[in-house]
Amino acid sequence: MRVYSAYDKEYQARPKQVKKRVARNAARRLMIRKHGKAALKGKDVDHKRSLKRGGSNGYSNLQIRSRKSNRADKT
């Protein structure tokens, strides 16, 4: 179990970070509704065009990828 420092807790409570987390969770819920929870077990929901670069949480911008491949191409 990871032990979070006081700084980490404070950082994650910042409005900007809360907004990002809400967006990620909304994308995952959408994919669960479309594909089922079992299809996403051990996988990540990837934004084809990142939110930071103007992408959206629309279904056409989302894809299911393995955790390893999704996290490998992030810089």
PDB file of N, CA and C in Angstrom:
ATOM      1  N   MET A   1       0.842  -1.179   0.000  1.00  0.00           N
ATOM      2  CA  MET A   1       0.000   0.000   0.000  1.00  0.00           C
ATOM      3  C   MET A   1       0.887   1.242   0.000  1.00  0.00           C
ATOM      4  N   ARG A   2       0.560   2.187  -0.854  1.00  0.00           N
ATOM      5  CA  ARG A   2       1.353   3.404  -0.954  1.00  0.00           C
ATOM      6  C   ARG A   2       0.990   4.356   0.180  1.00  0.00           C
ATOM      7  N   VAL A   3       2.008   4.962   0.755  1.00  0.00           N
ATOM      8  CA  VAL A   3       1.814   5.959   1.797  1.00  0.00           C
ATOM      9  C   VAL A   3       1.944   7.331   1.145  1.00  0.00           C
ATOM     10  N   TYR A   4       0.874   8.092   1.176  1.00  0.00           N
ATOM     11  CA  TYR A   4       0.869   9.414   0.565  1.00  0.00           C
ATOM     12  C   TYR A   4       1.344  10.462   1.550  1.00  0.00           C
ATOM     13  N   SER A   5       2.181  11.345   1.072  1.00  0.00           N
ATOM     14  CA  SER A   5       2.656  12.422   1.923  1.00  0.00           C
ATOM     15  C   SER A   5       1.579  13.495   2.010  1.00  0.00           C
ATOM     16  N   ALA A   6       1.763  14.397   2.921  1.00  0.00           N
ATOM     17  CA  ALA A   6       0.825  15.517   3.071  1.00  0.00           C
ATOM     18  C   ALA A   6       0.800  16.338   1.788  1.00  0.00           C
ATOM     19  N   TYR A   7       1.962  16.472   1.144  1.00  0.00           N
ATOM     20  CA  TYR A   7       2.010  17.235  -0.106  1.00  0.00           C
ATOM     21  C   TYR A   7       1.162  16.567  -1.181  1.00  0.00           C
ATOM     22  N   ASP A   8       1.274  15.240  -1.315  1.00  0.00           N
ATOM     23  CA  ASP A   8       0.490  14.522  -2.321  1.00  0.00           C
ATOM     24  C   ASP A   8      -1.006  14.722  -2.096  1.00  0.00           C
ATOM     25  N   LYS A   9      -1.430  14.632  -0.864  1.00  0.00           N
ATOM     26  CA  LYS A   9      -2.853  14.821  -0.549  1.00  0.00           C
ATOM     27  C   LYS A   9      -3.303  16.236  -0.898  1.00  0.00           C
ATOM     28  N   GLU A  10      -2.468  17.216  -0.569  1.00  0.00           N
ATOM     29  CA  GLU A  10      -2.795  18.609  -0.869  1.00  0.00           C
ATOM     30  C   GLU A  10      -2.833  18.832  -2.387  1.00  0.00           C
ATOM     31  N   TYR A  11      -1.865  18.247  -3.083  1.00  0.00           N
ATOM     32  CA  TYR A  11      -1.790  18.399  -4.539  1.00  0.00           C
ATOM     33  C   TYR A  11      -3.022  17.805  -5.218  1.00  0.00           C
ATOM     34  N   GLN A  12      -3.433  16.630  -4.807  1.00  0.00           N
ATOM     35  CA  GLN A  12      -4.586  15.966  -5.409  1.00  0.00           C
ATOM     36  C   GLN A  12      -5.900  16.664  -5.074  1.00  0.00           C
ATOM     37  N   ALA A  13      -5.905  17.511  -4.057  1.00  0.00           N
ATOM     38  CA  ALA A  13      -7.113  18.242  -3.676  1.00  0.00           C
ATOM     39  C   ALA A  13      -7.248  19.564  -4.426  1.00  0.00           C
ATOM     40  N   ARG A  14      -6.244  19.949  -5.185  1.00  0.00           N
ATOM     41  CA  ARG A  14      -6.298  21.208  -5.932  1.00  0.00           C
ATOM     42  C   ARG A  14      -7.382  21.123  -7.006  1.00  0.00           C
ATOM     43  N   PRO A  15      -8.097  22.199  -7.227  1.00  0.00           N
ATOM     44  CA  PRO A  15      -9.207  22.182  -8.195  1.00  0.00           C
ATOM     45  C   PRO A  15      -8.817  21.690  -9.583  1.00  0.00           C
ATOM     46  N   LYS A  16      -7.647  22.068 -10.050  1.00  0.00           N
ATOM     47  CA  LYS A  16      -7.202  21.635 -11.382  1.00  0.00           C
ATOM     48  C   LYS A  16      -7.043  20.113 -11.436  1.00  0.00           C
ATOM     49  N   GLN A  17      -6.472  19.530 -10.384  1.00  0.00           N
ATOM     50  CA  GLN A  17      -6.267  18.085 -10.348  1.00  0.00           C
ATOM     51  C   GLN A  17      -7.589  17.344 -10.167  1.00  0.00           C
ATOM     52  N   VAL A  18      -8.486  17.922  -9.386  1.00  0.00           N
ATOM     53  CA  VAL A  18      -9.813  17.309  -9.202  1.00  0.00           C
ATOM     54  C   VAL A  18     -10.543  17.271 -10.541  1.00  0.00           C
ATOM     55  N   LYS A  19     -10.457  18.349 -11.307  1.00  0.00           N
ATOM     56  CA  LYS A  19     -11.114  18.420 -12.612  1.00  0.00           C
ATOM     57  C   LYS A  19     -10.562  17.356 -13.562  1.00  0.00           C
ATOM     58  N   LYS A  20      -9.239  17.172 -13.567  1.00  0.00           N
ATOM     59  CA  LYS A  20      -8.626  16.151 -14.418  1.00  0.00           C
ATOM     60  C   LYS A  20      -9.072  14.750 -14.007  1.00  0.00           C
ATOM     61  N   ARG A  21      -9.110  14.498 -12.701  1.00  0.00           N
ATOM     62  CA  ARG A  21      -9.515  13.180 -12.196  1.00  0.00           C
ATOM     63  C   ARG A  21     -10.955  12.883 -12.546  1.00  0.00           C
ATOM     64  N   VAL A  22     -11.816  13.881 -12.433  1.00  0.00           N
ATOM     65  CA  VAL A  22     -13.236  13.718 -12.772  1.00  0.00           C
ATOM     66  C   VAL A  22     -13.377  13.358 -14.255  1.00  0.00           C
ATOM     67  N   ALA A  23     -12.590  14.006 -15.112  1.00  0.00           N
ATOM     68  CA  ALA A  23     -12.640  13.724 -16.548  1.00  0.00           C
ATOM     69  C   ALA A  23     -12.182  12.297 -16.843  1.00  0.00           C
ATOM     70  N   ARG A  24     -11.100  11.859 -16.200  1.00  0.00           N
ATOM     71  CA  ARG A  24     -10.616  10.483 -16.406  1.00  0.00           C
ATOM     72  C   ARG A  24     -11.647   9.463 -15.940  1.00  0.00           C
ATOM     73  N   ASN A  25     -12.245   9.716 -14.796  1.00  0.00           N
ATOM     74  CA  ASN A  25     -13.249   8.791 -14.271  1.00  0.00           C
ATOM     75  C   ASN A  25     -14.487   8.746 -15.160  1.00  0.00           C
ATOM     76  N   ALA A  26     -14.885   9.875 -15.720  1.00  0.00           N
ATOM     77  CA  ALA A  26     -16.042   9.922 -16.619  1.00  0.00           C
ATOM     78  C   ALA A  26     -15.774   9.100 -17.878  1.00  0.00           C
ATOM     79  N   ALA A  27     -14.558   9.188 -18.408  1.00  0.00           N
ATOM     80  CA  ALA A  27     -14.199   8.417 -19.601  1.00  0.00           C
ATOM     81  C   ALA A  27     -14.252   6.925 -19.302  1.00  0.00           C
ATOM     82  N   ARG A  28     -13.759   6.527 -18.152  1.00  0.00           N
ATOM     83  CA  ARG A  28     -13.776   5.103 -17.787  1.00  0.00           C
ATOM     84  C   ARG A  28     -15.215   4.611 -17.605  1.00  0.00           C
ATOM     85  N   ARG A  29     -16.060   5.416 -16.969  1.00  0.00           N
ATOM     86  CA  ARG A  29     -17.468   5.014 -16.795  1.00  0.00           C
ATOM     87  C   ARG A  29     -18.173   4.843 -18.135  1.00  0.00           C
ATOM     88  N   LEU A  30     -17.879   5.726 -19.085  1.00  0.00           N
ATOM     89  CA  LEU A  30     -18.470   5.617 -20.417  1.00  0.00           C
ATOM     90  C   LEU A  30     -18.069   4.298 -21.077  1.00  0.00           C
ATOM     91  N   MET A  31     -16.786   3.955 -20.995  1.00  0.00           N
ATOM     92  CA  MET A  31     -16.317   2.715 -21.611  1.00  0.00           C
ATOM     93  C   MET A  31     -16.877   1.489 -20.893  1.00  0.00           C
ATOM     94  N   ILE A  32     -17.066   1.574 -19.598  1.00  0.00           N
ATOM     95  CA  ILE A  32     -17.682   0.460 -18.867  1.00  0.00           C
ATOM     96  C   ILE A  32     -19.119   0.263 -19.331  1.00  0.00           C
ATOM     97  N   ARG A  33     -19.850   1.366 -19.538  1.00  0.00           N
ATOM     98  CA  ARG A  33     -21.232   1.246 -20.035  1.00  0.00           C
ATOM     99  C   ARG A  33     -21.273   0.620 -21.421  1.00  0.00           C
ATOM    100  N   LYS A  34     -20.315   0.954 -22.275  1.00  0.00           N
ATOM    101  CA  LYS A  34     -20.308   0.450 -23.652  1.00  0.00           C
ATOM    102  C   LYS A  34     -19.811  -0.991 -23.753  1.00  0.00           C
ATOM    103  N   HIS A  35     -18.767  -1.343 -22.984  1.00  0.00           N
ATOM    104  CA  HIS A  35     -18.097  -2.624 -23.164  1.00  0.00           C
ATOM    105  C   HIS A  35     -18.232  -3.582 -21.987  1.00  0.00           C
ATOM    106  N   GLY A  36     -18.659  -3.092 -20.846  1.00  0.00           N
ATOM    107  CA  GLY A  36     -18.764  -3.939 -19.662  1.00  0.00           C
ATOM    108  C   GLY A  36     -17.502  -3.879 -18.824  1.00  0.00           C
ATOM    109  N   LYS A  37     -17.673  -4.134 -17.557  1.00  0.00           N
ATOM    110  CA  LYS A  37     -16.565  -4.025 -16.609  1.00  0.00           C
ATOM    111  C   LYS A  37     -15.485  -5.071 -16.871  1.00  0.00           C
ATOM    112  N   ALA A  38     -15.887  -6.254 -17.293  1.00  0.00           N
ATOM    113  CA  ALA A  38     -14.921  -7.331 -17.523  1.00  0.00           C
ATOM    114  C   ALA A  38     -13.955  -6.992 -18.655  1.00  0.00           C
ATOM    115  N   ALA A  39     -14.420  -6.282 -19.668  1.00  0.00           N
ATOM    116  CA  ALA A  39     -13.567  -5.921 -20.807  1.00  0.00           C
ATOM    117  C   ALA A  39     -12.473  -4.938 -20.410  1.00  0.00           C
ATOM    118  N   LEU A  40     -12.673  -4.203 -19.332  1.00  0.00           N
ATOM    119  CA  LEU A  40     -11.695  -3.210 -18.905  1.00  0.00           C
ATOM    120  C   LEU A  40     -10.818  -3.683 -17.754  1.00  0.00           C
ATOM    121  N   LYS A  41     -11.029  -4.896 -17.291  1.00  0.00           N
ATOM    122  CA  LYS A  41     -10.250  -5.392 -16.161  1.00  0.00           C
ATOM    123  C   LYS A  41      -8.769  -5.463 -16.544  1.00  0.00           C
ATOM    124  N   GLY A  42      -7.937  -4.758 -15.794  1.00  0.00           N
ATOM    125  CA  GLY A  42      -6.507  -4.735 -16.058  1.00  0.00           C
ATOM    126  C   GLY A  42      -6.112  -3.868 -17.235  1.00  0.00           C
ATOM    127  N   LYS A  43      -7.017  -3.054 -17.731  1.00  0.00           N
ATOM    128  CA  LYS A  43      -6.746  -2.210 -18.897  1.00  0.00           C
ATOM    129  C   LYS A  43      -6.933  -0.744 -18.538  1.00  0.00           C
ATOM    130  N   ASP A  44      -6.440   0.118 -19.403  1.00  0.00           N
ATOM    131  CA  ASP A  44      -6.610   1.560 -19.258  1.00  0.00           C
ATOM    132  C   ASP A  44      -7.505   2.080 -20.371  1.00  0.00           C
ATOM    133  N   VAL A  45      -8.176   3.182 -20.094  1.00  0.00           N
ATOM    134  CA  VAL A  45      -8.924   3.886 -21.134  1.00  0.00           C
ATOM    135  C   VAL A  45      -8.008   4.998 -21.618  1.00  0.00           C
ATOM    136  N   ASP A  46      -7.698   4.964 -22.907  1.00  0.00           N
ATOM    137  CA  ASP A  46      -6.767   5.913 -23.500  1.00  0.00           C
ATOM    138  C   ASP A  46      -7.522   6.923 -24.347  1.00  0.00           C
ATOM    139  N   HIS A  47      -7.103   8.158 -24.290  1.00  0.00           N
ATOM    140  CA  HIS A  47      -7.632   9.191 -25.171  1.00  0.00           C
ATOM    141  C   HIS A  47      -6.745   9.216 -26.409  1.00  0.00           C
ATOM    142  N   LYS A  48      -7.314   8.994 -27.578  1.00  0.00           N
ATOM    143  CA  LYS A  48      -6.534   9.008 -28.817  1.00  0.00           C
ATOM    144  C   LYS A  48      -5.868  10.364 -28.984  1.00  0.00           C
ATOM    145  N   ARG A  49      -6.640  11.404 -28.792  1.00  0.00           N
ATOM    146  CA  ARG A  49      -6.100  12.769 -28.746  1.00  0.00           C
ATOM    147  C   ARG A  49      -6.258  13.228 -27.298  1.00  0.00           C
ATOM    148  N   SER A  50      -5.153  13.519 -26.653  1.00  0.00           N
ATOM    149  CA  SER A  50      -5.175  13.817 -25.223  1.00  0.00           C
ATOM    150  C   SER A  50      -6.056  15.028 -24.909  1.00  0.00           C
ATOM    151  N   LEU A  51      -6.578  15.040 -23.709  1.00  0.00           N
ATOM    152  CA  LEU A  51      -7.396  16.173 -23.258  1.00  0.00           C
ATOM    153  C   LEU A  51      -6.567  17.454 -23.264  1.00  0.00           C
ATOM    154  N   LYS A  52      -5.309  17.317 -22.929  1.00  0.00           N
ATOM    155  CA  LYS A  52      -4.406  18.466 -22.894  1.00  0.00           C
ATOM    156  C   LYS A  52      -4.234  19.089 -24.275  1.00  0.00           C
ATOM    157  N   ARG A  53      -4.366  18.275 -25.317  1.00  0.00           N
ATOM    158  CA  ARG A  53      -4.192  18.758 -26.693  1.00  0.00           C
ATOM    159  C   ARG A  53      -5.510  18.984 -27.404  1.00  0.00           C
ATOM    160  N   GLY A  54      -6.567  19.153 -26.647  1.00  0.00           N
ATOM    161  CA  GLY A  54      -7.846  19.499 -27.245  1.00  0.00           C
ATOM    162  C   GLY A  54      -8.770  18.335 -27.506  1.00  0.00           C
ATOM    163  N   GLY A  55      -8.416  17.143 -27.031  1.00  0.00           N
ATOM    164  CA  GLY A  55      -9.279  15.976 -27.196  1.00  0.00           C
ATOM    165  C   GLY A  55     -10.485  16.066 -26.283  1.00  0.00           C
ATOM    166  N   SER A  56     -11.381  15.118 -26.430  1.00  0.00           N
ATOM    167  CA  SER A  56     -12.593  15.129 -25.618  1.00  0.00           C
ATOM    168  C   SER A  56     -12.789  13.766 -24.963  1.00  0.00           C
ATOM    169  N   ASN A  57     -13.824  13.667 -24.163  1.00  0.00           N
ATOM    170  CA  ASN A  57     -14.209  12.396 -23.566  1.00  0.00           C
ATOM    171  C   ASN A  57     -15.254  11.688 -24.416  1.00  0.00           C
ATOM    172  N   GLY A  58     -15.426  12.129 -25.646  1.00  0.00           N
ATOM    173  CA  GLY A  58     -16.372  11.485 -26.546  1.00  0.00           C
ATOM    174  C   GLY A  58     -15.942  10.068 -26.861  1.00  0.00           C
ATOM    175  N   TYR A  59     -16.908   9.208 -27.131  1.00  0.00           N
ATOM    176  CA  TYR A  59     -16.629   7.794 -27.383  1.00  0.00           C
ATOM    177  C   TYR A  59     -15.639   7.610 -28.534  1.00  0.00           C
ATOM    178  N   SER A  60     -15.726   8.442 -29.558  1.00  0.00           N
ATOM    179  CA  SER A  60     -14.850   8.291 -30.719  1.00  0.00           C
ATOM    180  C   SER A  60     -13.394   8.639 -30.403  1.00  0.00           C
ATOM    181  N   ASN A  61     -13.138   9.299 -29.287  1.00  0.00           N
ATOM    182  CA  ASN A  61     -11.776   9.664 -28.906  1.00  0.00           C
ATOM    183  C   ASN A  61     -11.188   8.704 -27.875  1.00  0.00           C
ATOM    184  N   LEU A  62     -11.924   7.687 -27.494  1.00  0.00           N
ATOM    185  CA  LEU A  62     -11.471   6.764 -26.455  1.00  0.00           C
ATOM    186  C   LEU A  62     -11.158   5.402 -27.038  1.00  0.00           C
ATOM    187  N   GLN A  63     -10.172   4.728 -26.417  1.00  0.00           N
ATOM    188  CA  GLN A  63      -9.861   3.353 -26.795  1.00  0.00           C
ATOM    189  C   GLN A  63      -9.386   2.599 -25.562  1.00  0.00           C
ATOM    190  N   ILE A  64      -9.553   1.292 -25.591  1.00  0.00           N
ATOM    191  CA  ILE A  64      -9.112   0.439 -24.495  1.00  0.00           C
ATOM    192  C   ILE A  64      -7.733  -0.094 -24.863  1.00  0.00           C
ATOM    193  N   ARG A  65      -6.792   0.077 -23.943  1.00  0.00           N
ATOM    194  CA  ARG A  65      -5.429  -0.409 -24.173  1.00  0.00           C
ATOM    195  C   ARG A  65      -4.917  -1.085 -22.919  1.00  0.00           C
ATOM    196  N   SER A  66      -3.929  -1.939 -23.092  1.00  0.00           N
ATOM    197  CA  SER A  66      -3.310  -2.557 -21.922  1.00  0.00           C
ATOM    198  C   SER A  66      -2.610  -1.465 -21.125  1.00  0.00           C
ATOM    199  N   ARG A  67      -2.487  -1.683 -19.846  1.00  0.00           N
ATOM    200  CA  ARG A  67      -1.818  -0.685 -19.001  1.00  0.00           C
ATOM    201  C   ARG A  67      -0.397  -0.433 -19.475  1.00  0.00           C
ATOM    202  N   LYS A  68       0.287  -1.508 -19.811  1.00  0.00           N
ATOM    203  CA  LYS A  68       1.690  -1.393 -20.212  1.00  0.00           C
ATOM    204  C   LYS A  68       1.843  -0.537 -21.474  1.00  0.00           C
ATOM    205  N   SER A  69       1.058  -0.811 -22.491  1.00  0.00           N
ATOM    206  CA  SER A  69       1.206  -0.048 -23.736  1.00  0.00           C
ATOM    207  C   SER A  69       0.716   1.388 -23.590  1.00  0.00           C
ATOM    208  N   ASN A  70      -0.342   1.591 -22.815  1.00  0.00           N
ATOM    209  CA  ASN A  70      -0.864   2.943 -22.638  1.00  0.00           C
ATOM    210  C   ASN A  70       0.123   3.831 -21.898  1.00  0.00           C
ATOM    211  N   ARG A  71       0.749   3.283 -20.891  1.00  0.00           N
ATOM    212  CA  ARG A  71       1.661   4.089 -20.077  1.00  0.00           C
ATOM    213  C   ARG A  71       3.046   4.196 -20.681  1.00  0.00           C
ATOM    214  N   ALA A  72       3.383   3.310 -21.628  1.00  0.00           N
ATOM    215  CA  ALA A  72       4.705   3.334 -22.253  1.00  0.00           C
ATOM    216  C   ALA A  72       4.862   4.505 -23.210  1.00  0.00           C
ATOM    217  N   ASP A  73       3.796   4.895 -23.902  1.00  0.00           N
ATOM    218  CA  ASP A  73       3.940   5.954 -24.904  1.00  0.00           C
ATOM    219  C   ASP A  73       3.627   7.340 -24.373  1.00  0.00           C
ATOM    220  N   LYS A  74       3.460   7.487 -23.089  1.00  0.00           N
ATOM    221  CA  LYS A  74       3.222   8.795 -22.483  1.00  0.00           C
ATOM    222  C   LYS A  74       4.547   9.427 -22.127  1.00  0.00           C
ATOM    223  N   THR A  75       4.697  10.680 -22.517  1.00  0.00           N
ATOM    224  CA  THR A  75       5.955  11.369 -22.194  1.00  0.00           C
ATOM    225  C   THR A  75       5.693  12.594 -21.367  1.00  0.00           C
TER     226      THR A  75
END
